Amino acid sequence: MSMHKFLQLMTSLIVLCGYWQFANAANHETAAQRTIEQIMTGEHRSDANIARNPWRHPVETLQFFGLEPDMTLIEIGPSGAWYTEILAPYMRDHGRYYGAHFSANSPSAFQRRSLENFEAKLAANPELYGKATVRALLPPNETAIAPEEGADIAMTFRNVHNWMAADLEHEYFEAFFAALKPGGVLGVVEHRALPTDSREDMIRSGYVGEAYVKEIAQAAGFEFVASAEINANPKDPTGHPEGVWTLPPEYRMGEADRARYSAIGESDRMTLKFRKPAN
């Protein structure tokens, strides 16, 4: 074989290998997407929760964060379990799911009831949730939300404003940092404030500045990786009488201007990805 033909053959093989790698990756992504789509419309979910899928974009959000079903995942602040209904079944067979929920030692009766309801929900469906682990998160005293440096990925959805209200946002992010492996990912979805909003504005409204979330994460040691507009809503001007709770699904204003707020839809949200440095 001449050198020219040999080089042609090698080039063809390289191209073919690249194609198969691309095809395998695409097939893997498609299979993962189908699995998430099946779970998020499953019979275990209420009609009200399924109706929120178009606003919360679970497939695109989880793919952006890089979730794989064989990872060890921490869902931070699962509250009423909207995302838990997707994440715990997705991780059940090959990975680990930790739900970092409120503590039974919380001074807040609301938080204690929320934890009780969450645990009851998991216990009522052991087929889906029987392998899930619930951990207490109450900084600064209770922060062991997974084995130390044992998690591949942690995610939190619309919680940062609550930690700010308690003046504990830095302690929370430090707990996430301690729980993640070197190279582990932190994904944050949060209502997005205007850049001019003050800290007091953010706490009152539930909308948080994107720059401030990055500041908190980086102070804890995280590196910013990327942002996405997956959960953005350009129709949301953010300046509502009852903050983010003015909009659906809360409608805190009741019937007052309900049609207008319904037309806006759910809040404008940032979607941010951070990484714990590998070294």
C-alpha atoms as a PDB file:
ATOM      1  CA  MET A   1       0.000   0.000   0.000  1.00  0.00           C
ATOM      2  CA  SER A   2       1.339   3.399  -0.935  1.00  0.00           C
ATOM      3  CA  MET A   3       1.854   6.050   1.737  1.00  0.00           C
ATOM      4  CA  HIS A   4      -0.828   8.194   0.100  1.00  0.00           C
ATOM      5  CA  LYS A   5      -3.455   5.422   0.310  1.00  0.00           C
ATOM      6  CA  PHE A   6      -2.374   4.602   3.849  1.00  0.00           C
ATOM      7  CA  LEU A   7      -2.914   8.218   4.917  1.00  0.00           C
ATOM      8  CA  GLN A   8      -6.297   8.246   3.176  1.00  0.00           C
ATOM      9  CA  LEU A   9      -7.294   5.096   5.054  1.00  0.00           C
ATOM     10  CA  MET A  10      -6.152   6.476   8.389  1.00  0.00           C
ATOM     11  CA  THR A  11      -8.041   9.728   7.768  1.00  0.00           C
ATOM     12  CA  SER A  12     -11.197   7.755   6.968  1.00  0.00           C
ATOM     13  CA  LEU A  13     -10.833   5.700  10.137  1.00  0.00           C
ATOM     14  CA  ILE A  14     -10.374   8.823  12.251  1.00  0.00           C
ATOM     15  CA  VAL A  15     -13.464  10.414  10.711  1.00  0.00           C
ATOM     16  CA  LEU A  16     -15.446   7.201  11.221  1.00  0.00           C
ATOM     17  CA  CYS A  17     -14.369   6.934  14.869  1.00  0.00           C
ATOM     18  CA  GLY A  18     -15.375  10.533  15.418  1.00  0.00           C
ATOM     19  CA  TYR A  19     -18.761   9.871  13.851  1.00  0.00           C
ATOM     20  CA  TRP A  20     -19.406   6.856  16.078  1.00  0.00           C
ATOM     21  CA  GLN A  21     -18.380   8.778  19.181  1.00  0.00           C
ATOM     22  CA  PHE A  22     -20.746  11.584  18.199  1.00  0.00           C
ATOM     23  CA  ALA A  23     -23.541   9.121  17.399  1.00  0.00           C
ATOM     24  CA  ASN A  24     -23.088   7.271  20.698  1.00  0.00           C
ATOM     25  CA  ALA A  25     -23.133  10.525  22.649  1.00  0.00           C
ATOM     26  CA  ALA A  26     -26.252  11.674  20.803  1.00  0.00           C
ATOM     27  CA  ASN A  27     -27.982   8.344  21.429  1.00  0.00           C
ATOM     28  CA  HIS A  28     -27.048   8.504  25.112  1.00  0.00           C
ATOM     29  CA  GLU A  29     -28.423  12.037  25.395  1.00  0.00           C
ATOM     30  CA  THR A  30     -31.617  11.055  23.596  1.00  0.00           C
ATOM     31  CA  ALA A  31     -32.129   8.035  25.873  1.00  0.00           C
ATOM     32  CA  ALA A  32     -31.592  10.182  28.983  1.00  0.00           C
ATOM     33  CA  GLN A  33     -33.989  12.780  27.632  1.00  0.00           C
ATOM     34  CA  ARG A  34     -36.656  10.143  26.968  1.00  0.00           C
ATOM     35  CA  THR A  35     -36.261   8.786  30.492  1.00  0.00           C
ATOM     36  CA  ILE A  36     -36.690  12.215  32.080  1.00  0.00           C
ATOM     37  CA  GLU A  37     -39.666  12.979  29.833  1.00  0.00           C
ATOM     38  CA  GLN A  38     -41.353   9.734  30.882  1.00  0.00           C
ATOM     39  CA  ILE A  39     -40.751  10.411  34.567  1.00  0.00           C
ATOM     40  CA  MET A  40     -41.894  14.038  34.499  1.00  0.00           C
ATOM     41  CA  THR A  41     -45.258  13.063  33.016  1.00  0.00           C
ATOM     42  CA  GLY A  42     -45.639   9.878  35.082  1.00  0.00           C
ATOM     43  CA  GLU A  43     -48.728   8.800  36.989  1.00  0.00           C
ATOM     44  CA  HIS A  44     -47.013   9.547  40.295  1.00  0.00           C
ATOM     45  CA  ARG A  45     -47.163  13.278  39.503  1.00  0.00           C
ATOM     46  CA  SER A  46     -50.217  15.468  40.012  1.00  0.00           C
ATOM     47  CA  ASP A  47     -51.814  17.329  37.120  1.00  0.00           C
ATOM     48  CA  ALA A  48     -50.757  20.599  38.760  1.00  0.00           C
ATOM     49  CA  ASN A  49     -47.102  19.543  38.891  1.00  0.00           C
ATOM     50  CA  ILE A  50     -47.130  18.246  35.327  1.00  0.00           C
ATOM     51  CA  ALA A  51     -48.665  21.537  34.175  1.00  0.00           C
ATOM     52  CA  ARG A  52     -45.552  23.333  35.426  1.00  0.00           C
ATOM     53  CA  ASN A  53     -43.160  21.296  33.267  1.00  0.00           C
ATOM     54  CA  PRO A  54     -43.173  23.878  30.431  1.00  0.00           C
ATOM     55  CA  TRP A  55     -42.176  26.606  32.896  1.00  0.00           C
ATOM     56  CA  ARG A  56     -39.462  24.674  34.731  1.00  0.00           C
ATOM     57  CA  HIS A  57     -37.854  22.896  31.731  1.00  0.00           C
ATOM     58  CA  PRO A  58     -36.506  19.860  33.615  1.00  0.00           C
ATOM     59  CA  VAL A  59     -35.015  18.098  30.581  1.00  0.00           C
ATOM     60  CA  GLU A  60     -33.018  21.100  29.390  1.00  0.00           C
ATOM     61  CA  THR A  61     -32.066  22.182  32.912  1.00  0.00           C
ATOM     62  CA  LEU A  62     -30.751  18.780  34.001  1.00  0.00           C
ATOM     63  CA  GLN A  63     -28.860  18.341  30.750  1.00  0.00           C
ATOM     64  CA  PHE A  64     -27.258  21.769  31.176  1.00  0.00           C
ATOM     65  CA  PHE A  65     -26.096  20.863  34.672  1.00  0.00           C
ATOM     66  CA  GLY A  66     -24.717  17.572  33.323  1.00  0.00           C
ATOM     67  CA  LEU A  67     -26.702  15.140  35.449  1.00  0.00           C
ATOM     68  CA  GLU A  68     -26.085  11.455  34.750  1.00  0.00           C
ATOM     69  CA  PRO A  69     -28.133   8.623  36.317  1.00  0.00           C
ATOM     70  CA  ASP A  70     -25.073   6.958  37.877  1.00  0.00           C
ATOM     71  CA  MET A  71     -23.987  10.042  39.821  1.00  0.00           C
ATOM     72  CA  THR A  72     -24.371  10.877  43.486  1.00  0.00           C
ATOM     73  CA  LEU A  73     -26.777  13.807  43.573  1.00  0.00           C
ATOM     74  CA  ILE A  74     -27.810  16.231  46.310  1.00  0.00           C
ATOM     75  CA  GLU A  75     -31.073  18.102  45.829  1.00  0.00           C
ATOM     76  CA  ILE A  76     -30.788  21.103  48.128  1.00  0.00           C
ATOM     77  CA  GLY A  77     -34.013  22.340  49.647  1.00  0.00           C
ATOM     78  CA  PRO A  78     -36.486  19.971  47.945  1.00  0.00           C
ATOM     79  CA  SER A  79     -39.386  21.510  49.887  1.00  0.00           C
ATOM     80  CA  GLY A  80     -42.640  20.222  48.328  1.00  0.00           C
ATOM     81  CA  ALA A  81     -40.764  17.660  46.143  1.00  0.00           C
ATOM     82  CA  TRP A  82     -41.613  19.024  42.668  1.00  0.00           C
ATOM     83  CA  TYR A  83     -38.136  18.176  41.372  1.00  0.00           C
ATOM     84  CA  THR A  84     -37.757  15.205  43.716  1.00  0.00           C
ATOM     85  CA  GLU A  85     -40.534  13.460  41.778  1.00  0.00           C
ATOM     86  CA  ILE A  86     -38.185  13.542  38.776  1.00  0.00           C
ATOM     87  CA  LEU A  87     -34.750  13.290  40.344  1.00  0.00           C
ATOM     88  CA  ALA A  88     -35.208  10.454  42.851  1.00  0.00           C
ATOM     89  CA  PRO A  89     -36.704   8.006  40.293  1.00  0.00           C
ATOM     90  CA  TYR A  90     -34.085   9.023  37.716  1.00  0.00           C
ATOM     91  CA  MET A  91     -31.236   8.234  40.144  1.00  0.00           C
ATOM     92  CA  ARG A  92     -32.878   5.166  41.708  1.00  0.00           C
ATOM     93  CA  ASP A  93     -31.319   2.295  39.763  1.00  0.00           C
ATOM     94  CA  HIS A  94     -27.747   3.426  39.124  1.00  0.00           C
ATOM     95  CA  GLY A  95     -26.993   6.464  41.294  1.00  0.00           C
ATOM     96  CA  ARG A  96     -27.629   7.966  44.701  1.00  0.00           C
ATOM     97  CA  TYR A  97     -30.151  10.642  45.640  1.00  0.00           C
ATOM     98  CA  TYR A  98     -29.740  12.780  48.764  1.00  0.00           C
ATOM     99  CA  GLY A  99     -32.455  15.253  49.678  1.00  0.00           C
ATOM    100  CA  ALA A 100     -31.018  18.033  51.863  1.00  0.00           C
ATOM    101  CA  HIS A 101     -34.251  19.155  53.494  1.00  0.00           C
ATOM    102  CA  PHE A 102     -35.201  21.164  56.562  1.00  0.00           C
ATOM    103  CA  SER A 103     -34.165  19.880  59.977  1.00  0.00           C
ATOM    104  CA  ALA A 104     -36.478  18.385  62.566  1.00  0.00           C
ATOM    105  CA  ASN A 105     -34.614  20.717  64.956  1.00  0.00           C
ATOM    106  CA  SER A 106     -35.657  23.839  63.052  1.00  0.00           C
ATOM    107  CA  PRO A 107     -37.305  26.516  65.207  1.00  0.00           C
ATOM    108  CA  SER A 108     -39.777  27.060  62.354  1.00  0.00           C
ATOM    109  CA  ALA A 109     -43.001  25.055  62.622  1.00  0.00           C
ATOM    110  CA  PHE A 110     -43.496  25.514  58.872  1.00  0.00           C
ATOM    111  CA  GLN A 111     -40.120  23.920  58.136  1.00  0.00           C
ATOM    112  CA  ARG A 112     -40.763  20.999  60.475  1.00  0.00           C
ATOM    113  CA  ARG A 113     -44.153  20.339  58.843  1.00  0.00           C
ATOM    114  CA  SER A 114     -42.575  20.598  55.398  1.00  0.00           C
ATOM    115  CA  LEU A 115     -40.000  17.965  56.338  1.00  0.00           C
ATOM    116  CA  GLU A 116     -42.688  15.671  57.761  1.00  0.00           C
ATOM    117  CA  ASN A 117     -44.738  15.986  54.564  1.00  0.00           C
ATOM    118  CA  PHE A 118     -41.678  15.290  52.425  1.00  0.00           C
ATOM    119  CA  GLU A 119     -40.736  12.181  54.380  1.00  0.00           C
ATOM    120  CA  ALA A 120     -44.342  10.955  54.284  1.00  0.00           C
ATOM    121  CA  LYS A 121     -44.413  11.414  50.514  1.00  0.00           C
ATOM    122  CA  LEU A 122     -41.264   9.330  50.079  1.00  0.00           C
ATOM    123  CA  ALA A 123     -42.513   6.627  52.437  1.00  0.00           C
ATOM    124  CA  ALA A 124     -45.831   6.365  50.597  1.00  0.00           C
ATOM    125  CA  ASN A 125     -44.134   5.262  47.358  1.00  0.00           C
ATOM    126  CA  PRO A 126     -41.140   3.035  48.216  1.00  0.00           C
ATOM    127  CA  GLU A 127     -40.899   1.749  44.641  1.00  0.00           C
ATOM    128  CA  LEU A 128     -39.933   5.216  43.416  1.00  0.00           C
ATOM    129  CA  TYR A 129     -38.372   6.751  46.512  1.00  0.00           C
ATOM    130  CA  GLY A 130     -37.252   3.861  48.679  1.00  0.00           C
ATOM    131  CA  LYS A 131     -33.568   4.368  47.884  1.00  0.00           C
ATOM    132  CA  ALA A 132     -33.616   8.127  48.522  1.00  0.00           C
ATOM    133  CA  THR A 133     -31.738   9.439  51.544  1.00  0.00           C
ATOM    134  CA  VAL A 134     -32.955  12.493  53.474  1.00  0.00           C
ATOM    135  CA  ARG A 135     -30.403  14.653  55.258  1.00  0.00           C
ATOM    136  CA  ALA A 136     -30.972  17.689  57.494  1.00  0.00           C
ATOM    137  CA  LEU A 137     -29.613  21.072  56.438  1.00  0.00           C
ATOM    138  CA  LEU A 138     -29.631  23.764  59.113  1.00  0.00           C
ATOM    139  CA  PRO A 139     -26.453  25.843  59.021  1.00  0.00           C
ATOM    140  CA  PRO A 140     -24.272  26.383  60.853  1.00  0.00           C
ATOM    141  CA  ASN A 141     -24.918  23.302  63.028  1.00  0.00           C
ATOM    142  CA  GLU A 142     -26.323  20.687  60.623  1.00  0.00           C
ATOM    143  CA  THR A 143     -24.492  20.643  57.304  1.00  0.00           C
ATOM    144  CA  ALA A 144     -23.570  16.971  56.643  1.00  0.00           C
ATOM    145  CA  ILE A 145     -25.833  16.620  53.612  1.00  0.00           C
ATOM    146  CA  ALA A 146     -23.826  13.788  52.006  1.00  0.00           C
ATOM    147  CA  PRO A 147     -20.574  11.954  52.695  1.00  0.00           C
ATOM    148  CA  GLU A 148     -17.838  14.595  52.808  1.00  0.00           C
ATOM    149  CA  GLU A 149     -16.611  15.299  49.280  1.00  0.00           C
ATOM    150  CA  GLY A 150     -18.821  12.401  48.181  1.00  0.00           C
ATOM    151  CA  ALA A 151     -21.273  13.997  45.746  1.00  0.00           C
ATOM    152  CA  ASP A 152     -20.796  14.500  42.031  1.00  0.00           C
ATOM    153  CA  ILE A 153     -23.453  17.171  41.683  1.00  0.00           C
ATOM    154  CA  ALA A 154     -25.716  19.361  43.797  1.00  0.00           C
ATOM    155  CA  MET A 155     -28.718  21.352  42.622  1.00  0.00           C
ATOM    156  CA  THR A 156     -30.973  23.946  44.148  1.00  0.00           C
ATOM    157  CA  PHE A 157     -34.116  25.444  42.688  1.00  0.00           C
ATOM    158  CA  ARG A 158     -35.420  28.857  43.804  1.00  0.00           C
ATOM    159  CA  ASN A 159     -34.008  28.813  47.336  1.00  0.00           C
ATOM    160  CA  VAL A 160     -31.275  31.448  47.553  1.00  0.00           C
ATOM    161  CA  HIS A 161     -33.680  34.230  48.570  1.00  0.00           C
ATOM    162  CA  ASN A 162     -34.794  32.161  51.576  1.00  0.00           C
ATOM    163  CA  TRP A 163     -31.210  31.732  52.771  1.00  0.00           C
ATOM    164  CA  MET A 164     -30.640  35.459  52.337  1.00  0.00           C
ATOM    165  CA  ALA A 165     -33.679  36.192  54.492  1.00  0.00           C
ATOM    166  CA  ALA A 166     -32.044  34.130  57.243  1.00  0.00           C
ATOM    167  CA  ASP A 167     -28.681  35.829  56.586  1.00  0.00           C
ATOM    168  CA  LEU A 168     -27.135  32.402  56.034  1.00  0.00           C
ATOM    169  CA  GLU A 169     -26.499  32.272  52.284  1.00  0.00           C
ATOM    170  CA  HIS A 170     -22.717  31.998  52.720  1.00  0.00           C
ATOM    171  CA  GLU A 171     -23.036  29.143  55.222  1.00  0.00           C
ATOM    172  CA  TYR A 172     -25.292  27.247  52.818  1.00  0.00           C
ATOM    173  CA  PHE A 173     -22.903  27.533  49.888  1.00  0.00           C
ATOM    174  CA  GLU A 174     -19.998  26.495  52.121  1.00  0.00           C
ATOM    175  CA  ALA A 175     -21.950  23.345  53.013  1.00  0.00           C
ATOM    176  CA  PHE A 176     -22.452  22.543  49.325  1.00  0.00           C
ATOM    177  CA  PHE A 177     -18.754  23.034  48.672  1.00  0.00           C
ATOM    178  CA  ALA A 178     -17.813  20.611  51.476  1.00  0.00           C
ATOM    179  CA  ALA A 179     -20.236  17.947  50.202  1.00  0.00           C
ATOM    180  CA  LEU A 180     -19.028  17.945  46.593  1.00  0.00           C
ATOM    181  CA  LYS A 181     -16.094  16.007  45.207  1.00  0.00           C
ATOM    182  CA  PRO A 182     -13.266  18.017  43.654  1.00  0.00           C
ATOM    183  CA  GLY A 183     -14.560  18.782  40.175  1.00  0.00           C
ATOM    184  CA  GLY A 184     -18.167  18.427  41.341  1.00  0.00           C
ATOM    185  CA  VAL A 185     -20.905  20.633  39.934  1.00  0.00           C
ATOM    186  CA  LEU A 186     -23.311  23.004  41.659  1.00  0.00           C
ATOM    187  CA  GLY A 187     -26.412  23.986  39.662  1.00  0.00           C
ATOM    188  CA  VAL A 188     -28.515  26.961  40.751  1.00  0.00           C
ATOM    189  CA  VAL A 189     -31.891  28.105  39.438  1.00  0.00           C
ATOM    190  CA  GLU A 190     -33.209  31.289  41.048  1.00  0.00           C
ATOM    191  CA  HIS A 191     -35.663  34.112  40.416  1.00  0.00           C
ATOM    192  CA  ARG A 192     -33.618  36.878  38.746  1.00  0.00           C
ATOM    193  CA  ALA A 193     -33.638  40.413  40.120  1.00  0.00           C
ATOM    194  CA  LEU A 194     -32.838  43.574  38.226  1.00  0.00           C
ATOM    195  CA  PRO A 195     -29.129  44.518  38.497  1.00  0.00           C
ATOM    196  CA  THR A 196     -30.097  47.683  40.388  1.00  0.00           C
ATOM    197  CA  ASP A 197     -32.003  45.876  43.174  1.00  0.00           C
ATOM    198  CA  SER A 198     -30.589  46.118  46.694  1.00  0.00           C
ATOM    199  CA  ARG A 199     -30.187  43.214  49.082  1.00  0.00           C
ATOM    200  CA  GLU A 200     -33.310  44.401  50.907  1.00  0.00           C
ATOM    201  CA  ASP A 201     -35.200  44.453  47.594  1.00  0.00           C
ATOM    202  CA  MET A 202     -34.101  40.883  46.907  1.00  0.00           C
ATOM    203  CA  ILE A 203     -35.205  39.580  50.292  1.00  0.00           C
ATOM    204  CA  ARG A 204     -38.555  41.348  50.045  1.00  0.00           C
ATOM    205  CA  SER A 205     -39.306  40.310  46.468  1.00  0.00           C
ATOM    206  CA  GLY A 206     -37.765  36.841  46.242  1.00  0.00           C
ATOM    207  CA  TYR A 207     -35.783  37.908  43.158  1.00  0.00           C
ATOM    208  CA  VAL A 208     -31.978  37.712  43.536  1.00  0.00           C
ATOM    209  CA  GLY A 209     -29.279  39.418  41.506  1.00  0.00           C
ATOM    210  CA  GLU A 210     -27.308  37.128  39.223  1.00  0.00           C
ATOM    211  CA  ALA A 211     -24.077  38.892  40.150  1.00  0.00           C
ATOM    212  CA  TYR A 212     -24.797  38.302  43.832  1.00  0.00           C
ATOM    213  CA  VAL A 213     -25.341  34.550  43.390  1.00  0.00           C
ATOM    214  CA  LYS A 214     -22.009  34.361  41.588  1.00  0.00           C
ATOM    215  CA  GLU A 215     -20.395  36.351  44.392  1.00  0.00           C
ATOM    216  CA  ILE A 216     -21.713  33.979  47.085  1.00  0.00           C
ATOM    217  CA  ALA A 217     -20.639  30.884  45.147  1.00  0.00           C
ATOM    218  CA  GLN A 218     -17.178  32.203  44.421  1.00  0.00           C
ATOM    219  CA  ALA A 219     -16.714  33.254  48.064  1.00  0.00           C
ATOM    220  CA  ALA A 220     -17.371  29.617  49.029  1.00  0.00           C
ATOM    221  CA  GLY A 221     -14.670  28.471  46.601  1.00  0.00           C
ATOM    222  CA  PHE A 222     -16.663  27.634  43.467  1.00  0.00           C
ATOM    223  CA  GLU A 223     -15.655  28.536  39.939  1.00  0.00           C
ATOM    224  CA  PHE A 224     -18.327  29.886  37.620  1.00  0.00           C
ATOM    225  CA  VAL A 225     -18.730  27.652  34.553  1.00  0.00           C
ATOM    226  CA  ALA A 226     -21.659  28.898  32.483  1.00  0.00           C
ATOM    227  CA  SER A 227     -25.136  30.384  32.484  1.00  0.00           C
ATOM    228  CA  ALA A 228     -28.165  29.503  30.377  1.00  0.00           C
ATOM    229  CA  GLU A 229     -31.442  31.185  29.544  1.00  0.00           C
ATOM    230  CA  ILE A 230     -33.397  27.925  29.774  1.00  0.00           C
ATOM    231  CA  ASN A 231     -35.634  29.262  32.535  1.00  0.00           C
ATOM    232  CA  ALA A 232     -35.731  32.896  31.440  1.00  0.00           C
ATOM    233  CA  ASN A 233     -39.025  34.741  31.001  1.00  0.00           C
ATOM    234  CA  PRO A 234     -38.601  38.097  29.224  1.00  0.00           C
ATOM    235  CA  LYS A 235     -42.251  38.939  29.942  1.00  0.00           C
ATOM    236  CA  ASP A 236     -41.517  39.224  33.659  1.00  0.00           C
ATOM    237  CA  PRO A 237     -40.651  42.829  34.680  1.00  0.00           C
ATOM    238  CA  THR A 238     -40.089  41.625  38.311  1.00  0.00           C
ATOM    239  CA  GLY A 239     -41.547  44.688  40.085  1.00  0.00           C
ATOM    240  CA  HIS A 240     -44.702  43.104  41.490  1.00  0.00           C
ATOM    241  CA  PRO A 241     -46.709  44.159  44.576  1.00  0.00           C
ATOM    242  CA  GLU A 242     -46.150  40.830  46.351  1.00  0.00           C
ATOM    243  CA  GLY A 243     -42.808  40.034  44.783  1.00  0.00           C
ATOM    244  CA  VAL A 244     -42.359  36.793  42.903  1.00  0.00           C
ATOM    245  CA  TRP A 245     -45.343  35.331  44.760  1.00  0.00           C
ATOM    246  CA  THR A 246     -47.619  37.658  42.780  1.00  0.00           C
ATOM    247  CA  LEU A 247     -47.133  35.436  39.743  1.00  0.00           C
ATOM    248  CA  PRO A 248     -48.357  31.884  39.134  1.00  0.00           C
ATOM    249  CA  PRO A 249     -48.509  29.434  40.701  1.00  0.00           C
ATOM    250  CA  GLU A 250     -48.895  31.428  43.955  1.00  0.00           C
ATOM    251  CA  TYR A 251     -51.139  34.327  42.830  1.00  0.00           C
ATOM    252  CA  ARG A 252     -50.768  35.999  46.228  1.00  0.00           C
ATOM    253  CA  MET A 253     -52.896  38.938  44.996  1.00  0.00           C
ATOM    254  CA  GLY A 254     -55.848  36.600  44.606  1.00  0.00           C
ATOM    255  CA  GLU A 255     -58.134  37.685  41.785  1.00  0.00           C
ATOM    256  CA  ALA A 256     -56.650  41.194  41.543  1.00  0.00           C
ATOM    257  CA  ASP A 257     -55.103  41.548  38.061  1.00  0.00           C
ATOM    258  CA  ARG A 258     -54.966  37.754  37.842  1.00  0.00           C
ATOM    259  CA  ALA A 259     -55.336  37.712  34.060  1.00  0.00           C
ATOM    260  CA  ARG A 260     -52.354  40.063  33.683  1.00  0.00           C
ATOM    261  CA  TYR A 261     -50.142  37.986  35.949  1.00  0.00           C
ATOM    262  CA  SER A 262     -51.282  34.793  34.272  1.00  0.00           C
ATOM    263  CA  ALA A 263     -50.272  36.266  30.911  1.00  0.00           C
ATOM    264  CA  ILE A 264     -46.787  36.957  32.301  1.00  0.00           C
ATOM    265  CA  GLY A 265     -46.444  33.389  33.543  1.00  0.00           C
ATOM    266  CA  GLU A 266     -43.900  32.144  36.050  1.00  0.00           C
ATOM    267  CA  SER A 267     -40.890  34.232  37.061  1.00  0.00           C
ATOM    268  CA  ASP A 268     -37.805  35.110  35.072  1.00  0.00           C
ATOM    269  CA  ARG A 269     -35.052  32.792  36.336  1.00  0.00           C
ATOM    270  CA  MET A 270     -31.310  32.524  36.028  1.00  0.00           C
ATOM    271  CA  THR A 271     -29.734  29.097  35.498  1.00  0.00           C
ATOM    272  CA  LEU A 272     -26.126  28.999  36.678  1.00  0.00           C
ATOM    273  CA  LYS A 273     -23.513  26.253  36.718  1.00  0.00           C
ATOM    274  CA  PHE A 274     -20.522  26.258  39.079  1.00  0.00           C
ATOM    275  CA  ARG A 275     -17.726  23.783  39.715  1.00  0.00           C
ATOM    276  CA  LYS A 276     -15.605  22.935  42.727  1.00  0.00           C
ATOM    277  CA  PRO A 277     -11.973  23.167  41.594  1.00  0.00           C
ATOM    278  CA  ALA A 278     -10.402  19.790  40.900  1.00  0.00           C
ATOM    279  CA  ASN A 279      -7.281  20.637  42.888  1.00  0.00           C
END
